Amino acid sequence: MQQPTLMNLKILLPFRIFADKTGVSRIVAETREGSFGLLPRRLDCVAALAPGILIYENEAEGEIYVAIDEGVLVKTGLDVFVSVHNAIGGKDLGQLREAVEREFLNLDEREQNVRSVLAKMESGFIRRLAEFHHD
């Protein structure tokens, strides 16, 4: 009997490779429209990923869960590339959820602070521009 062909999965972050796995038998990812699965013989595709849990399975590790921020998934042949802003991996969904809440909620708070500062800078710039225009 012929050995089934398996996929290669690479999860890429902005400044490093988070995971580089071979022998992946299935992948489940989430988009804004819902979850979908990838098997080795699926046609090539591209998908915009929503923040959520990416699941992959290989013989060496079993089923692995990775919490991901939004990003893009590209499948070409047996190679699957997932490019995301942030990722946290684990086997225990409870611990993974706690890590996601800690990491992603802190990120949201920092993002809100940055947006607040940018809004103040923009309003100050517009006010000065209006003053300059009236002079």
N, C-alpha and C. Protein backbone atom coordinates (compact mmCIF):
# COMPACT_ATOMS: atom_id res chain seq x y z
N MET A 1 0.85 -1.19 0.00
CA MET A 1 0.00 0.00 0.00
C MET A 1 0.89 1.25 0.00
N GLN A 2 0.49 2.23 -0.80
CA GLN A 2 1.27 3.47 -0.92
C GLN A 2 1.09 4.35 0.31
N GLN A 3 2.22 4.91 0.79
CA GLN A 3 2.20 5.82 1.94
C GLN A 3 1.51 7.13 1.53
N PRO A 4 0.55 7.64 2.33
CA PRO A 4 -0.11 8.89 1.96
C PRO A 4 0.90 10.05 1.96
N THR A 5 0.70 10.98 1.05
CA THR A 5 1.55 12.16 0.96
C THR A 5 1.14 13.13 2.07
N LEU A 6 2.12 13.71 2.75
CA LEU A 6 1.84 14.61 3.85
C LEU A 6 2.32 16.02 3.54
N MET A 7 1.81 16.99 4.28
CA MET A 7 2.10 18.41 4.03
C MET A 7 3.27 18.91 4.88
N ASN A 8 3.82 20.03 4.45
CA ASN A 8 4.82 20.79 5.20
C ASN A 8 4.16 22.08 5.64
N LEU A 9 4.30 22.43 6.91
CA LEU A 9 3.66 23.64 7.45
C LEU A 9 4.73 24.57 8.00
N LYS A 10 4.68 25.82 7.58
CA LYS A 10 5.57 26.84 8.12
C LYS A 10 4.70 27.98 8.64
N ILE A 11 4.85 28.30 9.95
CA ILE A 11 4.14 29.43 10.54
C ILE A 11 5.16 30.55 10.73
N LEU A 12 4.92 31.66 10.03
CA LEU A 12 5.87 32.77 10.00
C LEU A 12 5.34 33.96 10.79
N LEU A 13 6.21 34.51 11.63
CA LEU A 13 5.93 35.76 12.35
C LEU A 13 6.73 36.87 11.67
N PRO A 14 6.48 38.13 11.99
CA PRO A 14 7.20 39.22 11.30
C PRO A 14 8.73 39.10 11.36
N PHE A 15 9.29 38.59 12.46
CA PHE A 15 10.75 38.59 12.58
C PHE A 15 11.36 37.22 12.83
N ARG A 16 10.56 36.16 12.73
CA ARG A 16 11.13 34.82 12.93
C ARG A 16 10.16 33.75 12.44
N ILE A 17 10.67 32.52 12.34
CA ILE A 17 9.83 31.37 12.00
C ILE A 17 9.34 30.77 13.31
N PHE A 18 8.03 30.72 13.51
CA PHE A 18 7.44 30.18 14.73
C PHE A 18 7.47 28.66 14.71
N ALA A 19 7.13 28.05 13.57
CA ALA A 19 7.11 26.59 13.46
C ALA A 19 7.43 26.20 12.02
N ASP A 20 8.17 25.10 11.88
CA ASP A 20 8.49 24.52 10.58
C ASP A 20 8.30 23.02 10.73
N LYS A 21 7.15 22.52 10.31
CA LYS A 21 6.76 21.13 10.55
C LYS A 21 6.63 20.36 9.24
N THR A 22 7.05 19.10 9.30
CA THR A 22 6.88 18.20 8.16
C THR A 22 5.95 17.07 8.59
N GLY A 23 5.46 16.32 7.63
CA GLY A 23 4.60 15.19 7.94
C GLY A 23 3.26 15.56 8.51
N VAL A 24 2.73 16.71 8.11
CA VAL A 24 1.44 17.19 8.63
C VAL A 24 0.31 16.54 7.83
N SER A 25 -0.60 15.87 8.54
CA SER A 25 -1.68 15.14 7.87
C SER A 25 -2.94 15.98 7.69
N ARG A 26 -3.14 16.98 8.57
CA ARG A 26 -4.31 17.85 8.42
C ARG A 26 -4.07 19.17 9.14
N ILE A 27 -4.78 20.20 8.66
CA ILE A 27 -4.72 21.54 9.25
C ILE A 27 -6.15 22.08 9.29
N VAL A 28 -6.50 22.71 10.40
CA VAL A 28 -7.80 23.39 10.51
C VAL A 28 -7.51 24.83 10.87
N ALA A 29 -8.07 25.76 10.09
CA ALA A 29 -7.84 27.19 10.30
C ALA A 29 -9.18 27.93 10.33
N GLU A 30 -9.14 29.17 10.83
CA GLU A 30 -10.36 29.97 10.92
C GLU A 30 -10.25 31.22 10.06
N THR A 31 -11.31 31.50 9.31
CA THR A 31 -11.44 32.75 8.57
C THR A 31 -12.65 33.48 9.17
N ARG A 32 -12.94 34.66 8.67
CA ARG A 32 -14.11 35.40 9.15
C ARG A 32 -15.42 34.68 8.78
N GLU A 33 -15.36 33.82 7.75
CA GLU A 33 -16.54 33.08 7.32
C GLU A 33 -16.70 31.76 8.07
N GLY A 34 -15.69 31.35 8.86
CA GLY A 34 -15.78 30.10 9.62
C GLY A 34 -14.52 29.26 9.45
N SER A 35 -14.54 28.07 10.03
CA SER A 35 -13.39 27.17 9.99
C SER A 35 -13.38 26.37 8.69
N PHE A 36 -12.17 25.97 8.27
CA PHE A 36 -12.05 25.07 7.13
C PHE A 36 -10.84 24.18 7.33
N GLY A 37 -10.88 23.02 6.71
CA GLY A 37 -9.80 22.06 6.86
C GLY A 37 -8.98 21.90 5.60
N LEU A 38 -7.72 21.56 5.81
CA LEU A 38 -6.82 21.29 4.69
C LEU A 38 -6.29 19.87 4.83
N LEU A 39 -6.41 19.11 3.77
CA LEU A 39 -5.80 17.79 3.67
C LEU A 39 -4.75 17.86 2.56
N PRO A 40 -3.81 16.91 2.53
CA PRO A 40 -2.72 17.01 1.55
C PRO A 40 -3.17 17.14 0.09
N ARG A 41 -4.25 16.53 -0.28
CA ARG A 41 -4.67 16.55 -1.70
C ARG A 41 -5.60 17.71 -2.05
N ARG A 42 -5.86 18.59 -1.11
CA ARG A 42 -6.72 19.74 -1.39
C ARG A 42 -6.05 20.64 -2.43
N LEU A 43 -6.86 21.29 -3.25
CA LEU A 43 -6.32 22.21 -4.25
C LEU A 43 -5.62 23.38 -3.58
N ASP A 44 -4.72 24.01 -4.30
CA ASP A 44 -4.02 25.19 -3.79
C ASP A 44 -5.03 26.28 -3.46
N CYS A 45 -4.72 27.07 -2.43
CA CYS A 45 -5.65 28.12 -2.03
C CYS A 45 -4.93 29.19 -1.23
N VAL A 46 -5.62 30.32 -1.07
CA VAL A 46 -5.16 31.43 -0.22
C VAL A 46 -6.35 31.82 0.64
N ALA A 47 -6.11 32.09 1.94
CA ALA A 47 -7.20 32.47 2.84
C ALA A 47 -6.72 33.54 3.81
N ALA A 48 -7.58 34.53 4.06
CA ALA A 48 -7.31 35.53 5.10
C ALA A 48 -7.77 34.94 6.42
N LEU A 49 -6.86 34.82 7.37
CA LEU A 49 -7.17 34.19 8.65
C LEU A 49 -7.64 35.22 9.68
N ALA A 50 -8.60 34.81 10.47
CA ALA A 50 -9.09 35.63 11.58
C ALA A 50 -8.34 35.19 12.85
N PRO A 51 -8.26 36.05 13.85
CA PRO A 51 -7.66 35.61 15.12
C PRO A 51 -8.43 34.39 15.65
N GLY A 52 -7.70 33.39 16.10
CA GLY A 52 -8.35 32.18 16.59
C GLY A 52 -7.35 31.06 16.79
N ILE A 53 -7.83 29.82 16.74
CA ILE A 53 -6.99 28.65 16.96
C ILE A 53 -6.76 27.94 15.64
N LEU A 54 -5.49 27.73 15.32
CA LEU A 54 -5.09 26.91 14.17
C LEU A 54 -4.71 25.55 14.74
N ILE A 55 -5.20 24.49 14.12
CA ILE A 55 -4.91 23.13 14.58
C ILE A 55 -4.16 22.42 13.47
N TYR A 56 -3.09 21.72 13.84
CA TYR A 56 -2.44 20.84 12.86
C TYR A 56 -2.11 19.52 13.54
N GLU A 57 -1.96 18.49 12.72
CA GLU A 57 -1.67 17.17 13.26
C GLU A 57 -0.57 16.51 12.46
N ASN A 58 0.42 15.98 13.17
CA ASN A 58 1.42 15.14 12.54
C ASN A 58 1.68 13.94 13.43
N GLU A 59 2.34 12.93 12.88
CA GLU A 59 2.54 11.68 13.62
C GLU A 59 3.45 11.88 14.83
N ALA A 60 4.46 12.72 14.71
CA ALA A 60 5.43 12.90 15.80
C ALA A 60 4.83 13.56 17.03
N GLU A 61 3.97 14.57 16.85
CA GLU A 61 3.45 15.35 17.99
C GLU A 61 1.97 15.14 18.27
N GLY A 62 1.25 14.54 17.34
CA GLY A 62 -0.19 14.42 17.50
C GLY A 62 -0.87 15.73 17.10
N GLU A 63 -1.94 16.06 17.80
CA GLU A 63 -2.71 17.28 17.49
C GLU A 63 -2.13 18.45 18.28
N ILE A 64 -1.79 19.52 17.58
CA ILE A 64 -1.20 20.71 18.19
C ILE A 64 -2.11 21.91 17.92
N TYR A 65 -2.29 22.73 18.95
CA TYR A 65 -3.10 23.94 18.85
C TYR A 65 -2.18 25.16 18.86
N VAL A 66 -2.46 26.11 17.98
CA VAL A 66 -1.70 27.35 17.94
C VAL A 66 -2.69 28.51 17.89
N ALA A 67 -2.63 29.37 18.90
CA ALA A 67 -3.45 30.57 18.88
C ALA A 67 -2.74 31.56 17.97
N ILE A 68 -3.48 32.10 17.01
CA ILE A 68 -2.88 33.03 16.05
C ILE A 68 -3.66 34.33 16.00
N ASP A 69 -2.93 35.37 15.67
CA ASP A 69 -3.54 36.65 15.38
C ASP A 69 -3.94 36.61 13.90
N GLU A 70 -4.54 37.66 13.39
CA GLU A 70 -4.94 37.63 11.99
C GLU A 70 -3.72 37.51 11.08
N GLY A 71 -3.96 36.96 9.88
CA GLY A 71 -2.87 36.76 8.94
C GLY A 71 -3.36 36.14 7.65
N VAL A 72 -2.45 35.44 6.97
CA VAL A 72 -2.75 34.85 5.66
C VAL A 72 -2.24 33.41 5.63
N LEU A 73 -3.02 32.53 5.01
CA LEU A 73 -2.61 31.15 4.78
C LEU A 73 -2.50 30.95 3.28
N VAL A 74 -1.40 30.32 2.84
CA VAL A 74 -1.20 30.02 1.42
C VAL A 74 -0.83 28.55 1.30
N LYS A 75 -1.60 27.79 0.49
CA LYS A 75 -1.28 26.40 0.22
C LYS A 75 -0.87 26.27 -1.23
N THR A 76 0.35 25.78 -1.45
CA THR A 76 0.83 25.52 -2.80
C THR A 76 1.41 24.11 -2.81
N GLY A 77 0.76 23.22 -3.52
CA GLY A 77 1.19 21.82 -3.52
C GLY A 77 1.08 21.26 -2.12
N LEU A 78 2.17 20.72 -1.60
CA LEU A 78 2.17 20.15 -0.25
C LEU A 78 2.70 21.13 0.79
N ASP A 79 3.02 22.35 0.37
CA ASP A 79 3.54 23.36 1.28
C ASP A 79 2.43 24.32 1.71
N VAL A 80 2.34 24.52 3.04
CA VAL A 80 1.36 25.45 3.59
C VAL A 80 2.13 26.49 4.40
N PHE A 81 1.93 27.76 4.04
CA PHE A 81 2.58 28.87 4.74
C PHE A 81 1.50 29.68 5.45
N VAL A 82 1.73 29.95 6.73
CA VAL A 82 0.82 30.78 7.52
C VAL A 82 1.65 31.95 8.03
N SER A 83 1.27 33.15 7.62
CA SER A 83 1.98 34.35 8.04
C SER A 83 1.04 35.16 8.94
N VAL A 84 1.45 35.34 10.22
CA VAL A 84 0.60 36.02 11.20
C VAL A 84 1.43 37.01 12.02
N HIS A 85 0.74 37.92 12.70
CA HIS A 85 1.42 38.91 13.55
C HIS A 85 1.95 38.29 14.83
N ASN A 86 1.19 37.34 15.41
CA ASN A 86 1.55 36.77 16.70
C ASN A 86 1.02 35.35 16.78
N ALA A 87 1.72 34.46 17.51
CA ALA A 87 1.29 33.07 17.67
C ALA A 87 1.75 32.54 19.02
N ILE A 88 0.91 31.69 19.62
CA ILE A 88 1.23 31.02 20.88
C ILE A 88 0.81 29.56 20.70
N GLY A 89 1.70 28.62 20.98
CA GLY A 89 1.40 27.21 20.77
C GLY A 89 1.21 26.45 22.06
N GLY A 90 0.57 25.26 21.96
CA GLY A 90 0.40 24.40 23.12
C GLY A 90 -0.46 23.20 22.82
N LYS A 91 -0.52 22.26 23.76
CA LYS A 91 -1.36 21.08 23.62
C LYS A 91 -2.62 21.16 24.49
N ASP A 92 -2.60 22.01 25.51
CA ASP A 92 -3.72 22.15 26.44
C ASP A 92 -4.50 23.42 26.08
N LEU A 93 -5.74 23.23 25.63
CA LEU A 93 -6.54 24.39 25.20
C LEU A 93 -6.82 25.37 26.34
N GLY A 94 -6.98 24.87 27.57
CA GLY A 94 -7.22 25.75 28.71
C GLY A 94 -6.06 26.68 28.97
N GLN A 95 -4.84 26.10 29.01
CA GLN A 95 -3.64 26.92 29.22
C GLN A 95 -3.42 27.86 28.04
N LEU A 96 -3.70 27.38 26.83
CA LEU A 96 -3.54 28.22 25.64
C LEU A 96 -4.48 29.40 25.69
N ARG A 97 -5.72 29.17 26.11
CA ARG A 97 -6.69 30.27 26.21
C ARG A 97 -6.21 31.32 27.21
N GLU A 98 -5.70 30.88 28.36
CA GLU A 98 -5.19 31.83 29.35
C GLU A 98 -4.02 32.64 28.79
N ALA A 99 -3.12 31.97 28.06
CA ALA A 99 -1.98 32.67 27.46
C ALA A 99 -2.46 33.68 26.43
N VAL A 100 -3.47 33.30 25.64
CA VAL A 100 -4.02 34.22 24.63
C VAL A 100 -4.61 35.44 25.30
N GLU A 101 -5.37 35.22 26.37
CA GLU A 101 -5.97 36.35 27.07
C GLU A 101 -4.90 37.28 27.62
N ARG A 102 -3.83 36.71 28.20
CA ARG A 102 -2.74 37.54 28.74
C ARG A 102 -2.04 38.30 27.62
N GLU A 103 -1.60 37.58 26.59
CA GLU A 103 -0.78 38.18 25.53
C GLU A 103 -1.59 39.11 24.63
N PHE A 104 -2.72 38.62 24.11
CA PHE A 104 -3.47 39.41 23.14
C PHE A 104 -4.20 40.57 23.78
N LEU A 105 -4.68 40.40 25.04
CA LEU A 105 -5.34 41.51 25.71
C LEU A 105 -4.35 42.62 26.04
N ASN A 106 -3.11 42.26 26.43
CA ASN A 106 -2.08 43.27 26.64
C ASN A 106 -1.77 43.99 25.35
N LEU A 107 -1.75 43.27 24.25
CA LEU A 107 -1.50 43.87 22.95
C LEU A 107 -2.61 44.86 22.63
N ASP A 108 -3.87 44.47 22.88
CA ASP A 108 -4.99 45.37 22.62
C ASP A 108 -4.87 46.66 23.43
N GLU A 109 -4.46 46.54 24.70
CA GLU A 109 -4.31 47.72 25.55
C GLU A 109 -3.21 48.63 25.00
N ARG A 110 -2.09 48.05 24.59
CA ARG A 110 -1.00 48.85 24.01
C ARG A 110 -1.45 49.51 22.71
N GLU A 111 -2.19 48.73 21.88
CA GLU A 111 -2.69 49.29 20.63
C GLU A 111 -3.60 50.48 20.90
N GLN A 112 -4.46 50.37 21.91
CA GLN A 112 -5.36 51.47 22.25
C GLN A 112 -4.58 52.69 22.70
N ASN A 113 -3.53 52.49 23.48
CA ASN A 113 -2.69 53.61 23.92
C ASN A 113 -2.02 54.29 22.73
N VAL A 114 -1.49 53.49 21.80
CA VAL A 114 -0.83 54.05 20.62
C VAL A 114 -1.85 54.82 19.78
N ARG A 115 -3.03 54.25 19.60
CA ARG A 115 -4.07 54.94 18.81
C ARG A 115 -4.48 56.25 19.47
N SER A 116 -4.55 56.27 20.79
CA SER A 116 -4.91 57.47 21.52
C SER A 116 -3.86 58.56 21.30
N VAL A 117 -2.59 58.18 21.40
CA VAL A 117 -1.50 59.14 21.18
C VAL A 117 -1.54 59.66 19.75
N LEU A 118 -1.74 58.76 18.78
CA LEU A 118 -1.80 59.19 17.38
C LEU A 118 -2.98 60.14 17.14
N ALA A 119 -4.12 59.85 17.75
CA ALA A 119 -5.29 60.72 17.59
C ALA A 119 -5.00 62.12 18.14
N LYS A 120 -4.33 62.19 19.30
CA LYS A 120 -3.97 63.49 19.87
C LYS A 120 -3.00 64.22 18.96
N MET A 121 -2.02 63.50 18.40
CA MET A 121 -1.07 64.14 17.49
C MET A 121 -1.77 64.66 16.25
N GLU A 122 -2.69 63.85 15.70
CA GLU A 122 -3.41 64.27 14.50
C GLU A 122 -4.27 65.50 14.77
N SER A 123 -4.99 65.51 15.90
CA SER A 123 -5.85 66.66 16.20
C SER A 123 -5.00 67.90 16.45
N GLY A 124 -3.84 67.75 17.10
CA GLY A 124 -2.93 68.89 17.30
C GLY A 124 -2.41 69.41 15.97
N PHE A 125 -2.08 68.52 15.05
CA PHE A 125 -1.59 68.92 13.73
C PHE A 125 -2.67 69.67 12.96
N ILE A 126 -3.90 69.15 13.01
CA ILE A 126 -5.01 69.79 12.30
C ILE A 126 -5.29 71.17 12.89
N ARG A 127 -5.25 71.30 14.23
CA ARG A 127 -5.48 72.58 14.88
C ARG A 127 -4.42 73.60 14.46
N ARG A 128 -3.14 73.18 14.45
CA ARG A 128 -2.06 74.09 14.04
C ARG A 128 -2.18 74.47 12.57
N LEU A 129 -2.59 73.51 11.75
CA LEU A 129 -2.77 73.79 10.33
C LEU A 129 -3.89 74.80 10.13
N ALA A 130 -4.98 74.66 10.90
CA ALA A 130 -6.09 75.60 10.81
C ALA A 130 -5.65 76.99 11.26
N GLU A 131 -4.84 77.06 12.35
CA GLU A 131 -4.34 78.34 12.82
C GLU A 131 -3.43 78.99 11.78
N PHE A 132 -2.60 78.20 11.15
CA PHE A 132 -1.69 78.70 10.12
C PHE A 132 -2.48 79.22 8.94
N HIS A 133 -3.54 78.51 8.57
CA HIS A 133 -4.35 78.91 7.42
C HIS A 133 -5.07 80.23 7.68
N HIS A 134 -5.49 80.48 8.93
CA HIS A 134 -6.20 81.73 9.27
C HIS A 134 -5.25 82.91 9.35
N ASP A 135 -3.98 82.69 9.62
CA ASP A 135 -3.01 83.82 9.74
C ASP A 135 -2.63 84.34 8.43
